[in-house]
Amino acid sequence: MSRPLDTIGALIDNQHNLLAYCISCRHCVKLDLEALAVKLGRDHGSMHKDLVPKLKCSECGSKDIALILSTEETERMHLSG
């Protein structure tokens, strides 16, 4: 049975990543889940409603952020075309 990916710790344990995508300027960055776990705790929620209020774009300052769940494998597939 698979474990829900609803906490930062669950994402780390299951080797998933979160990408933060700015709707305003299209800037995208992989979130440092280990750093977030230190700051917010491994049990902190990983859902949009849990994280987006704490994020803003490092390029334009917008808070209009989307989260994209990924793995290293899916990132390689998208980057290789």
Foldseek 3Di string as FASTA:
>chain_A
DDDDPFFLLSCVVVQKWKWKAAPPPRDIDIDPSVVCCVVPNRRQTPDCVRPLVVDADPPPRHSRIDIDMGHPVVVVVVVVD
